[in-house]
N, C-alpha and C. Protein backbone atom coordinates (compact mmCIF):
# COMPACT_ATOMS: atom_id res chain seq x y z
N MET A 1 145.80 137.88 18.15
CA MET A 1 146.85 139.05 18.14
C MET A 1 146.23 140.22 17.98
N THR A 2 144.85 140.16 17.71
CA THR A 2 144.15 141.67 17.44
C THR A 2 143.86 142.06 19.03
N SER A 3 143.72 141.16 19.97
CA SER A 3 143.43 141.78 21.36
C SER A 3 144.61 142.15 21.92
N SER A 4 145.82 141.63 21.80
CA SER A 4 147.07 142.23 22.17
C SER A 4 147.23 143.46 21.37
N SER A 5 146.95 143.74 20.28
CA SER A 5 147.37 145.13 19.59
C SER A 5 146.41 146.20 19.90
N SER A 6 145.15 145.64 20.39
CA SER A 6 144.08 146.47 20.85
C SER A 6 144.50 147.03 22.08
N LEU A 7 144.99 146.08 23.09
CA LEU A 7 145.43 146.58 24.50
C LEU A 7 146.64 147.63 24.21
N SER A 8 147.55 147.26 23.15
CA SER A 8 148.76 148.22 23.16
C SER A 8 148.18 149.71 22.65
N SER A 9 147.31 149.35 21.77
CA SER A 9 146.59 150.66 21.39
C SER A 9 146.21 151.76 22.42
N THR A 10 145.04 151.06 23.24
CA THR A 10 144.50 151.60 24.33
C THR A 10 145.68 152.26 25.41
N TYR A 11 146.48 151.38 25.68
CA TYR A 11 147.74 151.79 26.58
C TYR A 11 148.51 153.06 25.66
N HIS A 12 148.52 153.12 24.67
CA HIS A 12 149.26 154.32 24.06
C HIS A 12 148.39 155.55 24.22
N MET A 13 147.06 155.27 23.95
CA MET A 13 146.19 156.43 24.01
C MET A 13 146.14 156.75 25.13
N LYS A 14 145.80 156.07 26.33
CA LYS A 14 145.78 156.66 27.69
C LYS A 14 147.01 157.12 28.08
N LEU A 15 148.22 156.85 27.72
CA LEU A 15 149.50 157.42 27.92
C LEU A 15 149.64 158.87 27.29
N LYS A 16 148.98 158.98 26.01
CA LYS A 16 149.06 160.29 25.38
C LYS A 16 148.07 161.17 26.16
N GLN A 17 147.19 160.74 26.73
CA GLN A 17 145.97 161.45 27.43
C GLN A 17 146.64 162.12 28.70
N LEU A 18 147.21 161.09 29.44
CA LEU A 18 148.04 161.52 30.53
C LEU A 18 149.17 162.53 30.35
N VAL A 19 149.84 162.51 29.25
CA VAL A 19 150.96 163.33 28.97
C VAL A 19 150.39 164.75 28.71
N ILE A 20 149.20 164.86 27.96
CA ILE A 20 148.77 166.17 27.46
C ILE A 20 148.01 166.77 28.97
N ILE A 21 147.28 165.72 29.64
CA ILE A 21 146.76 166.29 30.97
C ILE A 21 147.94 166.96 31.80
N THR A 22 148.91 166.14 31.99
CA THR A 22 149.99 166.64 33.03
C THR A 22 150.74 167.96 32.36
N PHE A 23 150.77 167.97 31.25
CA PHE A 23 151.40 169.23 30.55
C PHE A 23 150.42 170.56 30.60
N GLY A 24 149.18 170.31 30.51
CA GLY A 24 148.35 171.31 30.59
C GLY A 24 148.12 171.71 32.21
N MET A 25 148.32 170.91 33.12
CA MET A 25 148.21 171.27 34.43
C MET A 25 149.54 172.11 34.74
N ILE A 26 150.54 171.62 34.38
CA ILE A 26 151.95 172.49 34.58
C ILE A 26 151.77 173.73 33.93
N LEU A 27 151.39 173.77 32.58
CA LEU A 27 150.97 175.18 32.12
C LEU A 27 150.29 176.04 32.74
N LEU A 28 149.12 175.52 33.30
CA LEU A 28 148.18 176.40 34.11
C LEU A 28 149.00 176.78 35.44
N LEU A 29 149.60 176.00 36.00
CA LEU A 29 150.30 176.29 37.34
C LEU A 29 151.39 177.47 37.04
N PHE A 30 151.99 177.42 35.90
CA PHE A 30 153.07 178.36 35.53
C PHE A 30 152.34 179.58 35.27
N LEU A 31 151.29 179.63 34.54
CA LEU A 31 150.75 180.88 34.34
C LEU A 31 149.99 181.46 35.49
N ALA A 32 149.44 180.61 36.54
CA ALA A 32 148.88 181.18 37.72
C ALA A 32 150.17 181.87 38.39
N ALA A 33 151.29 181.19 38.55
CA ALA A 33 152.37 181.72 39.27
C ALA A 33 152.86 183.12 38.64
N THR A 34 152.80 183.13 37.34
CA THR A 34 153.36 184.18 36.54
C THR A 34 152.47 185.65 36.87
N PHE A 35 151.28 185.15 36.73
CA PHE A 35 150.26 186.40 36.79
C PHE A 35 149.54 186.59 38.20
N SER A 36 149.94 186.01 39.32
CA SER A 36 149.47 186.14 40.63
C SER A 36 149.95 187.38 41.14
N ASN A 37 149.26 187.78 42.28
CA ASN A 37 149.84 189.14 42.92
C ASN A 37 151.19 188.70 43.63
N SER A 38 152.24 189.25 43.09
CA SER A 38 153.58 189.18 43.67
C SER A 38 153.79 190.27 44.56
N GLN A 39 154.74 189.93 45.40
CA GLN A 39 155.10 190.77 46.52
C GLN A 39 156.32 191.67 45.94
N ILE A 40 156.25 192.89 46.38
CA ILE A 40 157.51 193.68 45.93
C ILE A 40 158.65 193.60 47.15
N LEU A 41 159.71 192.95 47.06
CA LEU A 41 160.83 192.76 48.07
C LEU A 41 161.53 193.92 48.12
N GLU A 42 161.85 194.13 49.53
CA GLU A 42 162.80 195.32 49.87
C GLU A 42 164.18 194.63 49.49
N THR A 43 165.09 195.45 49.05
CA THR A 43 166.28 194.81 48.92
C THR A 43 167.32 195.54 49.75
N SER A 44 168.31 195.29 50.41
CA SER A 44 169.30 195.94 51.27
C SER A 44 170.68 195.66 50.63
N GLN A 45 171.70 196.53 51.04
CA GLN A 45 173.00 196.23 50.55
C GLN A 45 173.89 196.58 51.69
N TYR A 46 174.81 195.73 51.63
CA TYR A 46 175.66 195.61 52.88
C TYR A 46 177.03 195.70 52.30
N LYS A 47 178.07 196.18 53.17
CA LYS A 47 179.31 195.96 52.82
C LYS A 47 179.85 195.45 54.04
N TRP A 48 180.76 194.44 53.56
CA TRP A 48 181.32 193.60 54.88
C TRP A 48 182.89 193.51 54.61
N GLY A 49 183.45 193.20 55.50
CA GLY A 49 185.04 193.10 55.23
C GLY A 49 186.03 194.16 55.56
N PRO A 50 187.19 194.10 55.83
CA PRO A 50 187.79 193.09 56.15
C PRO A 50 187.21 192.43 57.45
N PHE A 51 186.92 191.11 57.66
CA PHE A 51 186.46 190.46 58.62
C PHE A 51 187.47 190.28 59.80
N ASP A 52 186.81 190.61 61.04
CA ASP A 52 187.63 190.35 62.32
C ASP A 52 186.56 189.68 63.17
N GLN A 53 186.91 189.57 64.59
CA GLN A 53 186.15 188.82 65.54
C GLN A 53 184.69 189.47 65.72
N SER A 54 184.65 190.88 65.43
CA SER A 54 183.11 191.26 65.70
C SER A 54 182.12 190.81 64.57
N TYR A 55 182.56 190.09 63.61
CA TYR A 55 181.44 189.52 62.53
C TYR A 55 180.97 188.25 63.18
N TYR A 56 181.59 187.61 64.32
CA TYR A 56 180.67 186.44 64.78
C TYR A 56 179.42 186.85 65.15
N ASN A 57 179.11 188.19 65.58
CA ASN A 57 177.73 188.55 65.87
C ASN A 57 176.88 188.66 64.74
N THR A 58 177.43 189.02 63.38
CA THR A 58 176.81 189.35 62.28
C THR A 58 176.36 188.18 61.60
N PHE A 59 177.40 187.09 61.77
CA PHE A 59 177.08 185.78 61.01
C PHE A 59 177.14 184.65 61.90
N ALA A 60 176.18 183.64 61.64
CA ALA A 60 176.36 182.43 62.51
C ALA A 60 177.41 181.66 61.76
N VAL A 61 178.48 181.54 62.19
CA VAL A 61 179.85 180.81 61.66
C VAL A 61 179.61 179.30 62.49
N ILE A 62 179.45 178.27 61.56
CA ILE A 62 179.25 177.00 61.82
C ILE A 62 180.55 176.17 61.63
N LYS A 63 181.27 175.70 62.66
CA LYS A 63 182.42 175.02 62.47
C LYS A 63 182.28 173.89 61.27
N PRO A 64 183.36 173.68 60.54
CA PRO A 64 184.65 174.27 60.62
C PRO A 64 185.14 175.75 60.29
N VAL A 65 184.13 176.26 59.73
CA VAL A 65 184.42 177.96 59.40
C VAL A 65 184.81 178.56 60.31
N THR A 66 185.86 179.58 60.04
CA THR A 66 186.41 180.55 61.02
C THR A 66 186.48 181.79 60.31
N ILE A 67 186.90 182.86 61.14
CA ILE A 67 187.14 184.19 60.74
C ILE A 67 188.62 184.16 61.06
N SER A 68 189.46 184.26 59.82
CA SER A 68 190.66 184.34 60.10
C SER A 68 191.45 184.97 59.05
N SER A 69 192.47 185.81 59.19
CA SER A 69 193.28 186.41 58.12
C SER A 69 192.27 187.40 57.42
N GLU A 70 191.40 188.22 58.20
CA GLU A 70 190.53 189.14 57.65
C GLU A 70 189.62 188.59 56.57
N ALA A 71 189.12 187.28 56.58
CA ALA A 71 188.32 186.54 55.72
C ALA A 71 187.39 185.81 56.48
N LEU A 72 186.52 185.31 55.80
CA LEU A 72 185.60 184.09 56.23
C LEU A 72 186.25 182.90 55.76
N GLN A 73 186.84 181.90 56.38
CA GLN A 73 187.62 180.94 55.92
C GLN A 73 186.63 179.56 55.93
N ILE A 74 186.16 179.49 54.71
CA ILE A 74 184.92 178.31 54.55
C ILE A 74 185.60 176.95 54.52
N THR A 75 186.75 176.96 54.19
CA THR A 75 187.21 175.58 54.19
C THR A 75 188.69 175.68 54.95
N PRO A 76 188.58 174.41 55.78
CA PRO A 76 189.82 174.51 56.47
C PRO A 76 191.22 174.96 55.81
N ASP A 77 192.31 175.45 56.35
CA ASP A 77 193.69 175.58 55.78
C ASP A 77 194.09 174.20 55.39
N SER A 78 194.44 174.06 54.06
CA SER A 78 194.93 172.84 53.57
C SER A 78 196.44 172.82 53.86
N ALA A 79 197.06 173.82 54.51
CA ALA A 79 198.50 173.43 55.10
C ALA A 79 198.59 172.37 55.96
N ARG A 80 197.48 172.22 56.74
CA ARG A 80 197.43 171.10 57.67
C ARG A 80 197.02 169.92 57.22
N ASN A 81 197.28 169.50 55.99
CA ASN A 81 197.00 168.34 55.32
C ASN A 81 195.53 167.85 55.33
N PHE A 82 194.57 168.70 55.41
CA PHE A 82 193.20 168.51 55.70
C PHE A 82 192.58 167.94 54.14
N THR A 83 191.90 167.13 54.15
CA THR A 83 191.33 166.81 52.93
C THR A 83 189.99 167.44 52.67
N HIS A 84 189.73 167.96 51.57
CA HIS A 84 188.27 168.56 51.32
C HIS A 84 187.14 167.87 50.79
N ALA A 85 187.46 166.44 50.63
CA ALA A 85 186.47 165.71 50.07
C ALA A 85 185.37 165.48 51.11
N ASN A 86 183.98 165.47 50.46
CA ASN A 86 182.93 165.23 51.28
C ASN A 86 182.63 165.93 52.66
N HIS A 87 183.04 167.17 52.60
CA HIS A 87 182.78 168.32 53.64
C HIS A 87 182.14 169.45 53.26
N SER A 88 181.08 169.61 54.17
CA SER A 88 180.45 170.99 53.80
C SER A 88 180.73 171.95 55.20
N SER A 89 180.51 173.16 54.74
CA SER A 89 180.69 174.36 55.69
C SER A 89 179.49 175.31 55.43
N ARG A 90 179.12 176.04 56.56
CA ARG A 90 178.01 176.95 56.42
C ARG A 90 178.32 178.23 57.15
N VAL A 91 177.61 179.36 56.52
CA VAL A 91 177.99 180.75 57.24
C VAL A 91 176.37 181.28 56.89
N PHE A 92 175.66 181.60 58.04
CA PHE A 92 174.35 182.30 57.86
C PHE A 92 174.37 183.71 58.30
N PHE A 93 173.71 184.61 57.62
CA PHE A 93 173.54 186.03 58.03
C PHE A 93 172.37 186.06 59.20
N ASN A 94 172.77 186.59 60.31
CA ASN A 94 171.94 186.75 61.32
C ASN A 94 171.00 187.71 60.95
């Protein structure tokens, strides 16, 4: 029975070492990312809307998205008895 408990003890010791090494590596990566030379990004401000057909040049509107009623209509109109389950929509800024 001592060999079994010896194996178990060795296993737990190696597991602890692995956890400590992994935590140390994550900590080092976090510190490196925190103190690395970071970029100063420019910000831009935009004002959009009310939306009309000219915004199709500003945005990549991927169906089923439309520009309708002065808005980006991301989900189809539910008045058409359309189910919203498991559907995705996308609009990208050009």
